[in-house]
N, C-alpha and C. Protein backbone atom coordinates (compact mmCIF):
# COMPACT_ATOMS: atom_id res chain seq x y z
N MET A 1 18.52 11.26 -8.53
CA MET A 1 17.77 12.49 -8.62
C MET A 1 16.36 12.18 -9.11
N ILE A 2 15.37 12.81 -8.53
CA ILE A 2 13.97 12.61 -8.89
C ILE A 2 13.60 13.59 -9.99
N ALA A 3 12.96 13.07 -11.03
CA ALA A 3 12.54 13.92 -12.14
C ALA A 3 11.37 14.80 -11.71
N LEU A 4 11.25 15.95 -12.32
CA LEU A 4 10.17 16.87 -12.04
C LEU A 4 8.83 16.20 -12.32
N GLY A 5 7.90 16.29 -11.37
CA GLY A 5 6.60 15.69 -11.53
C GLY A 5 6.52 14.25 -11.07
N GLU A 6 7.65 13.63 -10.76
CA GLU A 6 7.69 12.26 -10.28
C GLU A 6 7.56 12.27 -8.76
N PRO A 7 6.75 11.35 -8.18
CA PRO A 7 6.60 11.36 -6.72
C PRO A 7 7.90 11.02 -6.01
N ALA A 8 8.08 11.61 -4.86
CA ALA A 8 9.26 11.31 -4.04
C ALA A 8 9.15 9.90 -3.49
N PRO A 9 10.27 9.28 -3.16
CA PRO A 9 10.22 7.94 -2.56
C PRO A 9 9.38 7.98 -1.28
N LEU A 10 8.67 6.89 -1.03
CA LEU A 10 7.82 6.74 0.14
C LEU A 10 6.66 7.73 0.17
N THR A 11 6.14 8.09 -0.98
CA THR A 11 4.97 8.95 -1.09
C THR A 11 3.72 8.09 -1.12
N CYS A 12 2.69 8.55 -0.47
CA CYS A 12 1.40 7.85 -0.43
C CYS A 12 0.92 7.56 -1.85
N SER A 13 0.34 6.37 -2.04
CA SER A 13 -0.14 5.94 -3.36
C SER A 13 -1.52 6.49 -3.71
N ARG A 14 -2.21 7.13 -2.77
CA ARG A 14 -3.53 7.70 -3.05
C ARG A 14 -3.37 8.80 -4.09
N ALA A 15 -4.20 8.77 -5.10
CA ALA A 15 -4.13 9.76 -6.19
C ALA A 15 -4.16 11.18 -5.63
N GLY A 16 -3.20 11.98 -6.04
CA GLY A 16 -3.14 13.38 -5.65
C GLY A 16 -2.49 13.64 -4.30
N CYS A 17 -2.19 12.61 -3.53
CA CYS A 17 -1.57 12.80 -2.21
C CYS A 17 -0.05 12.86 -2.36
N ARG A 18 0.56 13.81 -1.67
CA ARG A 18 2.02 13.96 -1.70
C ARG A 18 2.63 13.74 -0.31
N GLU A 19 1.82 13.23 0.63
CA GLU A 19 2.30 13.00 2.00
C GLU A 19 3.27 11.82 2.04
N THR A 20 4.13 11.83 3.03
CA THR A 20 5.06 10.73 3.23
C THR A 20 4.30 9.53 3.76
N ALA A 21 4.56 8.38 3.19
CA ALA A 21 3.88 7.14 3.60
C ALA A 21 4.44 6.63 4.92
N SER A 22 3.55 6.07 5.72
CA SER A 22 3.96 5.42 6.96
C SER A 22 3.46 3.98 7.02
N TRP A 23 2.74 3.57 5.98
CA TRP A 23 2.18 2.21 5.89
C TRP A 23 2.47 1.60 4.55
N ARG A 24 2.63 0.29 4.56
CA ARG A 24 2.84 -0.51 3.34
C ARG A 24 1.62 -1.43 3.22
N ILE A 25 0.92 -1.37 2.10
CA ILE A 25 -0.25 -2.21 1.88
C ILE A 25 0.13 -3.24 0.82
N GLU A 26 0.17 -4.51 1.24
CA GLU A 26 0.54 -5.61 0.35
C GLU A 26 -0.75 -6.29 -0.10
N TRP A 27 -0.88 -6.49 -1.40
CA TRP A 27 -2.12 -7.08 -1.93
C TRP A 27 -1.86 -7.80 -3.22
N ARG A 28 -2.86 -8.57 -3.65
CA ARG A 28 -2.80 -9.22 -4.95
C ARG A 28 -4.22 -9.49 -5.43
N ASN A 29 -4.35 -9.61 -6.72
CA ASN A 29 -5.63 -9.98 -7.33
C ASN A 29 -5.55 -11.48 -7.62
N PRO A 30 -6.24 -12.31 -6.82
CA PRO A 30 -6.10 -13.76 -6.98
C PRO A 30 -6.64 -14.28 -8.31
N ARG A 31 -7.44 -13.49 -9.01
CA ARG A 31 -7.94 -13.92 -10.31
C ARG A 31 -6.86 -13.90 -11.39
N ILE A 32 -5.85 -13.05 -11.19
CA ILE A 32 -4.80 -12.93 -12.21
C ILE A 32 -3.38 -13.13 -11.69
N HIS A 33 -3.19 -13.10 -10.36
CA HIS A 33 -1.85 -13.25 -9.78
C HIS A 33 -1.75 -14.53 -8.98
N SER A 34 -0.63 -15.22 -9.10
CA SER A 34 -0.38 -16.39 -8.28
C SER A 34 -0.09 -15.93 -6.84
N ALA A 35 -0.11 -16.87 -5.91
CA ALA A 35 0.06 -16.55 -4.49
C ALA A 35 1.41 -15.89 -4.19
N ASP A 36 2.42 -16.12 -5.02
CA ASP A 36 3.73 -15.52 -4.76
C ASP A 36 3.87 -14.11 -5.34
N ARG A 37 2.88 -13.64 -6.08
CA ARG A 37 2.93 -12.29 -6.66
C ARG A 37 2.21 -11.33 -5.72
N VAL A 38 2.94 -10.42 -5.12
CA VAL A 38 2.37 -9.44 -4.20
C VAL A 38 2.67 -8.04 -4.72
N LYS A 39 1.65 -7.22 -4.78
CA LYS A 39 1.82 -5.82 -5.19
C LYS A 39 1.86 -4.98 -3.92
N VAL A 40 2.46 -3.81 -4.00
CA VAL A 40 2.60 -2.95 -2.82
C VAL A 40 2.15 -1.53 -3.15
N TRP A 41 1.30 -1.01 -2.29
CA TRP A 41 0.96 0.41 -2.30
C TRP A 41 1.47 0.98 -0.99
N LEU A 42 1.85 2.24 -1.01
CA LEU A 42 2.25 2.94 0.20
C LEU A 42 1.13 3.89 0.60
N ALA A 43 0.97 4.11 1.91
CA ALA A 43 -0.12 4.96 2.37
C ALA A 43 0.32 5.84 3.54
N CYS A 44 -0.19 7.06 3.55
CA CYS A 44 0.00 7.94 4.70
C CYS A 44 -1.07 7.57 5.73
N ALA A 45 -0.98 8.13 6.92
CA ALA A 45 -1.93 7.82 7.98
C ALA A 45 -3.36 8.18 7.58
N GLU A 46 -3.54 9.24 6.82
CA GLU A 46 -4.87 9.67 6.41
C GLU A 46 -5.53 8.70 5.42
N HIS A 47 -4.75 8.05 4.56
CA HIS A 47 -5.32 7.24 3.48
C HIS A 47 -5.19 5.74 3.64
N VAL A 48 -4.56 5.25 4.71
CA VAL A 48 -4.36 3.81 4.87
C VAL A 48 -5.69 3.07 4.92
N ASP A 49 -6.66 3.57 5.65
CA ASP A 49 -7.95 2.89 5.74
C ASP A 49 -8.68 2.91 4.40
N PHE A 50 -8.65 4.05 3.70
CA PHE A 50 -9.31 4.15 2.40
C PHE A 50 -8.73 3.14 1.42
N LEU A 51 -7.41 3.08 1.32
CA LEU A 51 -6.78 2.16 0.36
C LEU A 51 -7.02 0.70 0.74
N ARG A 52 -6.93 0.38 2.04
CA ARG A 52 -7.18 -0.99 2.49
C ARG A 52 -8.63 -1.39 2.18
N GLU A 53 -9.58 -0.53 2.47
CA GLU A 53 -10.99 -0.83 2.21
C GLU A 53 -11.28 -0.94 0.71
N PHE A 54 -10.63 -0.11 -0.09
CA PHE A 54 -10.79 -0.17 -1.55
C PHE A 54 -10.41 -1.56 -2.06
N LEU A 55 -9.29 -2.08 -1.59
CA LEU A 55 -8.82 -3.41 -2.02
C LEU A 55 -9.67 -4.53 -1.41
N ALA A 56 -10.00 -4.42 -0.14
CA ALA A 56 -10.78 -5.45 0.53
C ALA A 56 -12.18 -5.57 -0.07
N ALA A 57 -12.76 -4.46 -0.52
CA ALA A 57 -14.09 -4.48 -1.13
C ALA A 57 -14.09 -5.30 -2.42
N ARG A 58 -12.94 -5.43 -3.04
CA ARG A 58 -12.80 -6.23 -4.25
C ARG A 58 -12.40 -7.68 -3.94
N GLU A 59 -12.39 -7.98 -2.63
CA GLU A 59 -12.05 -9.32 -2.13
C GLU A 59 -10.62 -9.74 -2.46
N PHE A 60 -9.71 -8.75 -2.50
CA PHE A 60 -8.30 -9.05 -2.70
C PHE A 60 -7.68 -9.33 -1.33
N PRO A 61 -6.78 -10.31 -1.23
CA PRO A 61 -6.04 -10.49 0.02
C PRO A 61 -5.19 -9.24 0.29
N VAL A 62 -5.30 -8.71 1.50
CA VAL A 62 -4.63 -7.46 1.86
C VAL A 62 -3.93 -7.62 3.20
N ALA A 63 -2.70 -7.12 3.29
CA ALA A 63 -1.98 -7.05 4.56
C ALA A 63 -1.42 -5.64 4.69
N VAL A 64 -1.53 -5.06 5.88
CA VAL A 64 -1.03 -3.72 6.14
C VAL A 64 0.13 -3.81 7.13
N VAL A 65 1.23 -3.17 6.78
CA VAL A 65 2.45 -3.22 7.59
C VAL A 65 2.95 -1.80 7.80
N GLY A 66 3.27 -1.47 9.04
CA GLY A 66 3.88 -0.16 9.32
C GLY A 66 5.28 -0.11 8.74
N LEU A 67 5.62 0.97 8.08
CA LEU A 67 6.96 1.08 7.49
C LEU A 67 8.05 1.13 8.55
N ALA A 68 7.73 1.57 9.75
CA ALA A 68 8.72 1.64 10.82
C ALA A 68 9.02 0.26 11.40
N ASP A 69 8.11 -0.71 11.17
CA ASP A 69 8.30 -2.06 11.70
C ASP A 69 9.38 -2.78 10.91
N ASP A 70 10.42 -3.24 11.60
CA ASP A 70 11.48 -3.98 10.92
C ASP A 70 10.94 -5.27 10.32
N GLU A 71 10.31 -6.08 11.13
CA GLU A 71 9.75 -7.33 10.66
C GLU A 71 8.34 -7.12 10.14
N GLY A 72 7.68 -6.08 10.60
CA GLY A 72 6.36 -5.75 10.12
C GLY A 72 5.29 -6.72 10.59
N GLU A 73 4.53 -6.29 11.57
CA GLU A 73 3.40 -7.10 11.99
C GLU A 73 2.29 -6.90 10.98
N ARG A 74 1.87 -7.98 10.35
CA ARG A 74 0.88 -7.88 9.29
C ARG A 74 -0.52 -8.05 9.85
N THR A 75 -1.40 -7.14 9.42
CA THR A 75 -2.80 -7.27 9.76
C THR A 75 -3.56 -7.46 8.47
N SER A 76 -4.37 -8.48 8.40
CA SER A 76 -5.11 -8.78 7.18
C SER A 76 -6.47 -8.11 7.22
N ALA A 77 -6.92 -7.73 6.04
CA ALA A 77 -8.26 -7.14 5.93
C ALA A 77 -9.20 -8.15 5.34
C-alpha cells in the first residue's frame, strides 16, 4: 500500500510531476561514484528531454532506456 503523499510506482522523477513514467534515465556522478554505481530517474514523455539535458549539462554519463523495452536500447547523452 502506498502512503498518502508518496509517489506511485513508476511516477516521473521531475519535481511536481505525477505522470506515469515511460523512460528510465540511468546516470552517475563520476566525481563521487565508481563506474559500477548507477542511479536511476524515471521520466514521462514530457520530461525525458529536460531530465536528460539537466544531467548531461553537468557532464554526467547518461543513458535513456524505454521502460517498455525488455532489454532496453540505451542511448547516451
